[in-house]
């Protein structure tokens, strides 16, 4: 949404902060109700040795690309069913990706259980993959949906 200029940098940072705070509070609540080990068990994990770190980054990037592209396209729709489309896309992404990477597609979703559960194995995969995938989704959206092949005018955030 930031790259597409639908939100400004202040809103983007605020969104990130509230995503992280919400995820941490949820993980803390889960930890209080059950245990820190239970929270650690919700941490996303690569299906090693089948999926290595590069494969994990690639999988997270592609899964995020699919979801964010759907959000970028559907959010412009006037139909109320757009929210079902977003939800179904996220569900499909998770069903496909869970066997490979645990299907994070959101750094906050991996950060919170890592912090509360104390498990940081391959955390960078769940940070880099979704960030790359989201940026690529914007490029796909601009090229394929809008037909805009000149991104230089879009990269001026002044």
N, C-alpha and C. Protein backbone atom coordinates (compact mmCIF):
# COMPACT_ATOMS: atom_id res chain seq x y z
N UNK A 1 0.83 -1.19 0.00
CA UNK A 1 0.00 0.00 0.00
C UNK A 1 0.87 1.25 0.00
N UNK A 2 2.02 1.19 0.69
CA UNK A 2 2.94 2.33 0.70
C UNK A 2 3.54 2.55 -0.68
N UNK A 3 4.04 1.50 -1.31
CA UNK A 3 4.63 1.63 -2.64
C UNK A 3 3.60 2.11 -3.66
N UNK A 4 2.33 1.75 -3.47
CA UNK A 4 1.27 2.18 -4.37
C UNK A 4 0.72 3.55 -3.98
N UNK A 5 1.34 4.16 -2.99
CA UNK A 5 0.97 5.50 -2.50
C UNK A 5 -0.46 5.58 -1.98
N UNK A 6 -0.94 4.49 -1.43
CA UNK A 6 -2.27 4.51 -0.80
C UNK A 6 -2.16 4.92 0.66
N UNK A 7 -0.96 4.75 1.25
CA UNK A 7 -0.69 5.22 2.60
C UNK A 7 0.67 5.91 2.59
N UNK A 8 0.89 6.80 3.56
CA UNK A 8 2.18 7.49 3.65
C UNK A 8 3.10 6.73 4.62
N UNK A 9 4.32 7.22 4.76
CA UNK A 9 5.32 6.52 5.58
C UNK A 9 4.89 6.47 7.05
N UNK A 10 4.24 7.52 7.53
CA UNK A 10 3.77 7.55 8.93
C UNK A 10 2.75 6.43 9.16
N UNK A 11 1.80 6.28 8.24
CA UNK A 11 0.81 5.21 8.37
C UNK A 11 1.45 3.83 8.24
N UNK A 12 2.44 3.69 7.36
CA UNK A 12 3.12 2.41 7.19
C UNK A 12 3.83 2.00 8.47
N UNK A 13 4.58 2.93 9.04
CA UNK A 13 5.30 2.63 10.29
C UNK A 13 4.31 2.33 11.40
N UNK A 14 3.23 3.11 11.48
CA UNK A 14 2.20 2.84 12.49
C UNK A 14 1.58 1.47 12.32
N UNK A 15 1.32 1.10 11.08
CA UNK A 15 0.76 -0.22 10.79
C UNK A 15 1.71 -1.32 11.25
N UNK A 16 3.00 -1.15 10.94
CA UNK A 16 4.00 -2.14 11.36
C UNK A 16 4.06 -2.24 12.88
N UNK A 17 4.07 -1.10 13.56
CA UNK A 17 4.16 -1.09 15.02
C UNK A 17 2.96 -1.81 15.62
N UNK A 18 1.76 -1.48 15.16
CA UNK A 18 0.57 -2.11 15.72
C UNK A 18 0.47 -3.59 15.37
N UNK A 19 0.96 -3.98 14.21
CA UNK A 19 1.03 -5.41 13.86
C UNK A 19 1.93 -6.14 14.86
N UNK A 20 3.11 -5.56 15.11
CA UNK A 20 4.05 -6.18 16.03
C UNK A 20 3.51 -6.22 17.45
N UNK A 21 2.96 -5.10 17.92
CA UNK A 21 2.42 -5.04 19.28
C UNK A 21 1.28 -6.03 19.44
N UNK A 22 0.37 -6.07 18.49
CA UNK A 22 -0.75 -7.01 18.56
C UNK A 22 -0.29 -8.46 18.57
N UNK A 23 0.69 -8.76 17.73
CA UNK A 23 1.20 -10.13 17.66
C UNK A 23 1.90 -10.52 18.96
N UNK A 24 2.68 -9.60 19.52
CA UNK A 24 3.38 -9.89 20.78
C UNK A 24 2.38 -10.06 21.91
N UNK A 25 1.37 -9.19 21.99
CA UNK A 25 0.35 -9.33 23.04
C UNK A 25 -0.39 -10.66 22.91
N UNK A 26 -0.70 -11.06 21.70
CA UNK A 26 -1.36 -12.35 21.49
C UNK A 26 -0.47 -13.50 21.92
N UNK A 27 0.82 -13.43 21.58
CA UNK A 27 1.75 -14.49 21.98
C UNK A 27 1.95 -14.51 23.49
N UNK A 28 2.01 -13.32 24.10
CA UNK A 28 2.13 -13.27 25.56
C UNK A 28 0.90 -13.88 26.23
N UNK A 29 -0.28 -13.54 25.72
CA UNK A 29 -1.51 -14.11 26.28
C UNK A 29 -1.51 -15.63 26.14
N UNK A 30 -1.11 -16.10 24.97
CA UNK A 30 -1.02 -17.53 24.73
C UNK A 30 -0.02 -18.16 25.69
N UNK A 31 1.11 -17.47 25.91
CA UNK A 31 2.12 -17.97 26.84
C UNK A 31 1.63 -18.02 28.28
N UNK A 32 0.84 -17.05 28.69
CA UNK A 32 0.29 -17.02 30.05
C UNK A 32 -0.75 -18.12 30.22
N UNK A 33 -1.60 -18.27 29.22
CA UNK A 33 -2.66 -19.28 29.30
C UNK A 33 -2.08 -20.69 29.27
N UNK A 34 -1.13 -20.93 28.38
CA UNK A 34 -0.55 -22.27 28.24
C UNK A 34 0.88 -22.29 28.78
N UNK A 35 1.85 -21.94 27.94
CA UNK A 35 3.24 -21.91 28.39
C UNK A 35 4.12 -21.29 27.31
N UNK A 36 5.33 -20.94 27.71
CA UNK A 36 6.29 -20.40 26.74
C UNK A 36 6.62 -21.46 25.69
N UNK A 37 6.69 -22.71 26.11
CA UNK A 37 6.96 -23.80 25.16
C UNK A 37 5.83 -23.92 24.13
N UNK A 38 4.60 -23.70 24.58
CA UNK A 38 3.47 -23.75 23.65
C UNK A 38 3.59 -22.65 22.61
N UNK A 39 4.01 -21.45 23.04
CA UNK A 39 4.22 -20.35 22.11
C UNK A 39 5.34 -20.70 21.15
N UNK A 40 6.42 -21.24 21.66
CA UNK A 40 7.56 -21.62 20.81
C UNK A 40 7.13 -22.65 19.76
N UNK A 41 6.16 -23.49 20.09
CA UNK A 41 5.71 -24.50 19.13
C UNK A 41 4.92 -23.89 17.97
N UNK A 42 4.49 -22.62 18.11
CA UNK A 42 3.77 -21.97 17.02
C UNK A 42 4.71 -21.24 16.08
N UNK A 43 6.00 -21.24 16.38
CA UNK A 43 6.97 -20.57 15.52
C UNK A 43 7.06 -21.31 14.19
N UNK A 44 7.10 -20.56 13.11
CA UNK A 44 7.19 -21.17 11.79
C UNK A 44 8.56 -21.84 11.61
N UNK A 45 8.56 -22.99 10.97
CA UNK A 45 9.78 -23.78 10.83
C UNK A 45 9.89 -24.29 9.40
N UNK A 46 11.10 -24.21 8.86
CA UNK A 46 11.36 -24.75 7.53
C UNK A 46 11.29 -26.26 7.55
N UNK A 47 10.76 -26.85 6.51
CA UNK A 47 10.63 -28.31 6.40
C UNK A 47 11.97 -28.90 5.98
N UNK A 48 12.99 -28.74 6.85
CA UNK A 48 14.33 -29.24 6.53
C UNK A 48 14.33 -30.75 6.59
N UNK A 49 15.12 -31.47 5.85
CA UNK A 49 16.10 -30.98 4.89
C UNK A 49 15.50 -30.69 3.51
N UNK A 50 14.20 -30.94 3.34
CA UNK A 50 13.58 -30.71 2.03
C UNK A 50 13.64 -29.25 1.62
N UNK A 51 13.35 -28.34 2.53
CA UNK A 51 13.35 -26.90 2.25
C UNK A 51 14.47 -26.24 3.05
N UNK A 52 15.48 -25.76 2.34
CA UNK A 52 16.58 -25.04 2.99
C UNK A 52 16.24 -23.57 3.15
N UNK A 53 17.21 -22.78 3.58
CA UNK A 53 16.94 -21.37 3.82
C UNK A 53 16.62 -20.62 2.53
N UNK A 54 17.34 -20.90 1.46
CA UNK A 54 17.02 -20.22 0.19
C UNK A 54 15.63 -20.60 -0.28
N UNK A 55 15.30 -21.88 -0.22
CA UNK A 55 13.96 -22.33 -0.59
C UNK A 55 12.89 -21.71 0.30
N UNK A 56 13.22 -21.53 1.57
CA UNK A 56 12.29 -20.89 2.50
C UNK A 56 12.03 -19.44 2.15
N UNK A 57 13.11 -18.72 1.83
CA UNK A 57 12.95 -17.31 1.43
C UNK A 57 12.12 -17.24 0.15
N UNK A 58 12.43 -18.10 -0.79
CA UNK A 58 11.69 -18.12 -2.06
C UNK A 58 10.22 -18.46 -1.84
N UNK A 59 9.95 -19.47 -1.03
CA UNK A 59 8.57 -19.86 -0.76
C UNK A 59 7.81 -18.73 -0.07
N UNK A 60 8.40 -18.12 0.95
CA UNK A 60 7.74 -17.02 1.65
C UNK A 60 7.52 -15.84 0.71
N UNK A 61 8.48 -15.58 -0.15
CA UNK A 61 8.35 -14.47 -1.11
C UNK A 61 7.21 -14.74 -2.08
N UNK A 62 7.15 -15.93 -2.64
CA UNK A 62 6.10 -16.27 -3.61
C UNK A 62 4.72 -16.28 -2.94
N UNK A 63 4.63 -16.87 -1.77
CA UNK A 63 3.34 -16.90 -1.06
C UNK A 63 2.87 -15.49 -0.72
N UNK A 64 3.80 -14.64 -0.27
CA UNK A 64 3.44 -13.25 0.04
C UNK A 64 3.08 -12.50 -1.22
N UNK A 65 3.81 -12.74 -2.30
CA UNK A 65 3.51 -12.10 -3.58
C UNK A 65 2.07 -12.41 -4.00
N UNK A 66 1.66 -13.66 -3.89
CA UNK A 66 0.30 -14.05 -4.27
C UNK A 66 -0.72 -13.33 -3.40
N UNK A 67 -0.52 -13.34 -2.09
CA UNK A 67 -1.48 -12.73 -1.18
C UNK A 67 -1.54 -11.21 -1.37
N UNK A 68 -0.39 -10.55 -1.41
CA UNK A 68 -0.38 -9.09 -1.51
C UNK A 68 -0.91 -8.63 -2.87
N UNK A 69 -0.61 -9.37 -3.93
CA UNK A 69 -1.19 -9.02 -5.23
C UNK A 69 -2.71 -9.07 -5.17
N UNK A 70 -3.24 -10.11 -4.54
CA UNK A 70 -4.70 -10.22 -4.39
C UNK A 70 -5.25 -9.05 -3.59
N UNK A 71 -4.56 -8.66 -2.53
CA UNK A 71 -5.02 -7.54 -1.71
C UNK A 71 -4.97 -6.24 -2.51
N UNK A 72 -3.89 -6.02 -3.25
CA UNK A 72 -3.79 -4.80 -4.06
C UNK A 72 -4.90 -4.72 -5.10
N UNK A 73 -5.21 -5.82 -5.74
CA UNK A 73 -6.25 -5.84 -6.76
C UNK A 73 -7.64 -5.73 -6.11
N UNK A 74 -7.90 -6.57 -5.14
CA UNK A 74 -9.24 -6.63 -4.56
C UNK A 74 -9.59 -5.38 -3.76
N UNK A 75 -8.63 -4.74 -3.15
CA UNK A 75 -8.92 -3.57 -2.32
C UNK A 75 -9.45 -2.40 -3.14
N UNK A 76 -9.24 -2.41 -4.45
CA UNK A 76 -9.78 -1.37 -5.34
C UNK A 76 -11.23 -1.65 -5.73
N UNK A 77 -11.70 -2.86 -5.46
CA UNK A 77 -13.06 -3.23 -5.84
C UNK A 77 -14.07 -2.55 -4.93
N UNK A 78 -15.25 -2.28 -5.47
CA UNK A 78 -16.34 -1.72 -4.68
C UNK A 78 -17.21 -2.81 -4.05
N UNK A 79 -17.02 -4.04 -4.50
CA UNK A 79 -17.85 -5.15 -4.01
C UNK A 79 -17.47 -5.52 -2.58
N UNK A 80 -18.48 -5.81 -1.77
CA UNK A 80 -18.22 -6.23 -0.40
C UNK A 80 -17.57 -7.62 -0.35
N UNK A 81 -17.74 -8.38 -1.41
CA UNK A 81 -17.16 -9.72 -1.46
C UNK A 81 -15.64 -9.69 -1.59
N UNK A 82 -15.06 -8.51 -1.79
CA UNK A 82 -13.60 -8.42 -1.91
C UNK A 82 -12.92 -8.97 -0.66
N UNK A 83 -13.56 -8.82 0.49
CA UNK A 83 -12.96 -9.30 1.73
C UNK A 83 -12.94 -10.83 1.78
N UNK A 84 -13.95 -11.44 1.19
CA UNK A 84 -13.94 -12.91 1.08
C UNK A 84 -12.80 -13.35 0.18
N UNK A 85 -12.59 -12.63 -0.92
CA UNK A 85 -11.48 -12.95 -1.82
C UNK A 85 -10.14 -12.86 -1.12
N UNK A 86 -9.96 -11.83 -0.31
CA UNK A 86 -8.71 -11.68 0.44
C UNK A 86 -8.55 -12.83 1.44
N UNK A 87 -9.63 -13.15 2.14
CA UNK A 87 -9.58 -14.23 3.12
C UNK A 87 -9.33 -15.58 2.48
N UNK A 88 -10.00 -15.84 1.37
CA UNK A 88 -9.79 -17.11 0.66
C UNK A 88 -8.37 -17.21 0.11
N UNK A 89 -7.83 -16.10 -0.36
CA UNK A 89 -6.45 -16.11 -0.86
C UNK A 89 -5.48 -16.41 0.27
N UNK A 90 -5.67 -15.76 1.41
CA UNK A 90 -4.79 -16.02 2.55
C UNK A 90 -4.92 -17.47 3.02
N UNK A 91 -6.13 -17.99 3.02
CA UNK A 91 -6.34 -19.39 3.40
C UNK A 91 -5.60 -20.33 2.45
N UNK A 92 -5.74 -20.08 1.15
CA UNK A 92 -5.06 -20.92 0.16
C UNK A 92 -3.55 -20.84 0.31
N UNK A 93 -3.03 -19.62 0.52
CA UNK A 93 -1.59 -19.44 0.71
C UNK A 93 -1.11 -20.25 1.92
N UNK A 94 -1.86 -20.22 3.00
CA UNK A 94 -1.46 -20.97 4.19
C UNK A 94 -1.56 -22.47 3.98
N UNK A 95 -2.61 -22.91 3.33
CA UNK A 95 -2.75 -24.35 3.09
C UNK A 95 -1.64 -24.88 2.20
N UNK A 96 -1.23 -24.09 1.23
CA UNK A 96 -0.14 -24.50 0.34
C UNK A 96 1.21 -24.41 1.04
N UNK A 97 1.44 -23.31 1.75
CA UNK A 97 2.76 -23.05 2.30
C UNK A 97 3.09 -23.69 3.63
N UNK A 98 2.08 -24.15 4.37
CA UNK A 98 2.35 -24.63 5.72
C UNK A 98 3.32 -25.82 5.75
N UNK A 99 3.27 -26.66 4.73
CA UNK A 99 4.17 -27.83 4.72
C UNK A 99 5.61 -27.47 4.39
N UNK A 100 5.82 -26.29 3.76
CA UNK A 100 7.16 -25.90 3.36
C UNK A 100 7.85 -25.02 4.40
N UNK A 101 7.14 -23.99 4.88
CA UNK A 101 7.76 -23.00 5.76
C UNK A 101 6.94 -22.71 7.01
N UNK A 102 5.80 -23.33 7.15
CA UNK A 102 4.89 -22.96 8.22
C UNK A 102 4.00 -21.80 7.79
N UNK A 103 4.27 -21.25 6.62
CA UNK A 103 3.48 -20.19 5.99
C UNK A 103 3.27 -18.98 6.88
N UNK A 104 4.31 -18.21 7.04
CA UNK A 104 4.22 -16.99 7.83
C UNK A 104 3.59 -15.86 7.02
N UNK A 105 4.18 -15.50 5.91
CA UNK A 105 3.82 -14.40 5.02
C UNK A 105 3.57 -13.08 5.75
N UNK A 106 4.07 -12.95 6.96
CA UNK A 106 3.94 -11.73 7.75
C UNK A 106 5.03 -11.76 8.82
N UNK A 107 6.01 -10.85 8.75
CA UNK A 107 7.08 -10.85 9.76
C UNK A 107 6.58 -10.77 11.20
N UNK A 108 5.48 -10.05 11.45
CA UNK A 108 4.95 -9.94 12.81
C UNK A 108 4.48 -11.30 13.31
N UNK A 109 3.93 -12.12 12.42
CA UNK A 109 3.44 -13.44 12.79
C UNK A 109 4.58 -14.35 13.24
N UNK A 110 5.78 -14.14 12.71
CA UNK A 110 6.94 -14.94 13.13
C UNK A 110 7.70 -14.29 14.27
N UNK A 111 7.74 -12.96 14.28
CA UNK A 111 8.49 -12.24 15.32
C UNK A 111 7.94 -12.51 16.72
N UNK A 112 6.63 -12.43 16.87
CA UNK A 112 6.03 -12.54 18.21
C UNK A 112 6.30 -13.90 18.87
N UNK A 113 6.03 -15.03 18.20
CA UNK A 113 6.34 -16.30 18.86
C UNK A 113 7.85 -16.51 19.03
N UNK A 114 8.66 -15.92 18.14
CA UNK A 114 10.12 -16.02 18.32
C UNK A 114 10.53 -15.28 19.60
N UNK A 115 9.99 -14.10 19.79
CA UNK A 115 10.32 -13.29 20.97
C UNK A 115 9.83 -13.95 22.25
N UNK A 116 8.57 -14.30 22.30
CA UNK A 116 7.98 -14.86 23.52
C UNK A 116 8.45 -16.28 23.76
N UNK A 117 8.55 -17.07 22.69
CA UNK A 117 8.95 -18.46 22.84
C UNK A 117 10.45 -18.69 22.87
N UNK A 118 11.22 -17.65 22.50
CA UNK A 118 12.67 -17.76 22.53
C UNK A 118 13.25 -18.63 21.43
N UNK A 119 12.56 -18.74 20.30
CA UNK A 119 13.02 -19.55 19.17
C UNK A 119 13.27 -18.64 17.98
N UNK A 120 14.54 -18.50 17.59
CA UNK A 120 14.89 -17.58 16.49
C UNK A 120 15.47 -18.30 15.28
N UNK A 121 15.28 -19.61 15.18
CA UNK A 121 15.83 -20.39 14.09
C UNK A 121 15.34 -19.86 12.75
N UNK A 122 16.29 -19.48 11.89
CA UNK A 122 15.99 -19.01 10.53
C UNK A 122 15.01 -17.84 10.50
N UNK A 123 14.98 -17.03 11.56
CA UNK A 123 14.03 -15.91 11.61
C UNK A 123 14.16 -15.00 10.40
N UNK A 124 15.38 -14.78 9.94
CA UNK A 124 15.59 -13.86 8.83
C UNK A 124 14.81 -14.28 7.58
N UNK A 125 14.58 -15.59 7.42
CA UNK A 125 13.80 -16.10 6.29
C UNK A 125 12.39 -15.49 6.31
N UNK A 126 11.82 -15.39 7.52
CA UNK A 126 10.46 -14.90 7.69
C UNK A 126 10.37 -13.38 7.72
N UNK A 127 11.50 -12.74 7.67
CA UNK A 127 11.56 -11.29 7.53
C UNK A 127 11.82 -10.91 6.07
N UNK A 128 12.85 -11.51 5.48
CA UNK A 128 13.25 -11.18 4.11
C UNK A 128 12.23 -11.65 3.08
N UNK A 129 11.78 -12.90 3.18
CA UNK A 129 10.86 -13.46 2.21
C UNK A 129 9.60 -12.62 2.02
N UNK A 130 8.87 -12.32 3.10
CA UNK A 130 7.66 -11.51 2.94
C UNK A 130 7.93 -10.09 2.45
N UNK A 131 9.02 -9.48 2.87
CA UNK A 131 9.32 -8.12 2.40
C UNK A 131 9.62 -8.11 0.91
N UNK A 132 10.39 -9.08 0.45
CA UNK A 132 10.69 -9.20 -0.98
C UNK A 132 9.40 -9.52 -1.75
N UNK A 133 8.62 -10.45 -1.24
CA UNK A 133 7.38 -10.83 -1.90
C UNK A 133 6.39 -9.68 -2.01
N UNK A 134 6.29 -8.86 -0.97
CA UNK A 134 5.37 -7.72 -1.00
C UNK A 134 5.81 -6.68 -2.03
N UNK A 135 7.11 -6.41 -2.08
CA UNK A 135 7.63 -5.46 -3.07
C UNK A 135 7.41 -5.98 -4.49
N UNK A 136 7.67 -7.26 -4.69
CA UNK A 136 7.44 -7.85 -6.01
C UNK A 136 5.96 -7.86 -6.39
N UNK A 137 5.09 -8.02 -5.40
CA UNK A 137 3.65 -7.98 -5.66
C UNK A 137 3.25 -6.62 -6.21
N UNK A 138 3.83 -5.57 -5.66
CA UNK A 138 3.53 -4.23 -6.15
C UNK A 138 3.99 -4.09 -7.60
N UNK A 139 5.19 -4.62 -7.92
CA UNK A 139 5.69 -4.56 -9.29
C UNK A 139 4.76 -5.33 -10.23
N UNK A 140 4.35 -6.53 -9.84
CA UNK A 140 3.43 -7.32 -10.65
C UNK A 140 2.11 -6.56 -10.83
N UNK A 141 1.61 -5.98 -9.76
CA UNK A 141 0.36 -5.22 -9.83
C UNK A 141 0.49 -4.06 -10.82
N UNK A 142 1.59 -3.32 -10.72
CA UNK A 142 1.79 -2.17 -11.62
C UNK A 142 1.90 -2.63 -13.07
N UNK A 143 2.71 -3.66 -13.33
CA UNK A 143 2.94 -4.13 -14.69
C UNK A 143 1.72 -4.83 -15.28
N UNK A 144 1.20 -5.81 -14.58
CA UNK A 144 0.16 -6.68 -15.13
C UNK A 144 -1.23 -6.06 -15.03
N UNK A 145 -1.58 -5.55 -13.87
CA UNK A 145 -2.94 -5.05 -13.68
C UNK A 145 -3.10 -3.65 -14.26
N UNK A 146 -2.15 -2.76 -13.96
CA UNK A 146 -2.28 -1.38 -14.40
C UNK A 146 -1.60 -1.10 -15.74
N UNK A 147 -0.72 -2.00 -16.17
CA UNK A 147 -0.01 -1.80 -17.43
C UNK A 147 1.04 -0.70 -17.36
N UNK A 148 1.47 -0.34 -16.17
CA UNK A 148 2.46 0.71 -15.96
C UNK A 148 3.85 0.07 -15.96
N UNK A 149 4.61 0.30 -17.03
CA UNK A 149 5.95 -0.30 -17.12
C UNK A 149 7.05 0.67 -16.74
N UNK A 150 6.70 1.89 -16.37
CA UNK A 150 7.69 2.88 -15.95
C UNK A 150 7.51 3.13 -14.45
N UNK A 151 8.33 2.44 -13.65
CA UNK A 151 8.20 2.55 -12.21
C UNK A 151 8.98 3.72 -11.62
N UNK A 152 9.79 4.39 -12.44
CA UNK A 152 10.63 5.46 -11.92
C UNK A 152 9.80 6.60 -11.33
N UNK A 153 8.67 6.91 -11.97
CA UNK A 153 7.82 7.98 -11.44
C UNK A 153 7.13 7.57 -10.14
N UNK A 154 7.01 6.27 -9.89
CA UNK A 154 6.37 5.79 -8.67
C UNK A 154 7.31 5.76 -7.47
N UNK A 155 8.60 5.84 -7.72
CA UNK A 155 9.58 5.72 -6.64
C UNK A 155 9.97 7.05 -6.02
N UNK A 156 9.28 8.11 -6.36
CA UNK A 156 9.52 9.42 -5.75
C UNK A 156 8.57 9.58 -4.58
N UNK A 157 9.10 9.47 -3.34
CA UNK A 157 8.26 9.54 -2.15
C UNK A 157 8.41 10.87 -1.42
N UNK A 158 8.85 11.89 -2.13
CA UNK A 158 9.03 13.19 -1.47
C UNK A 158 7.72 13.92 -1.32
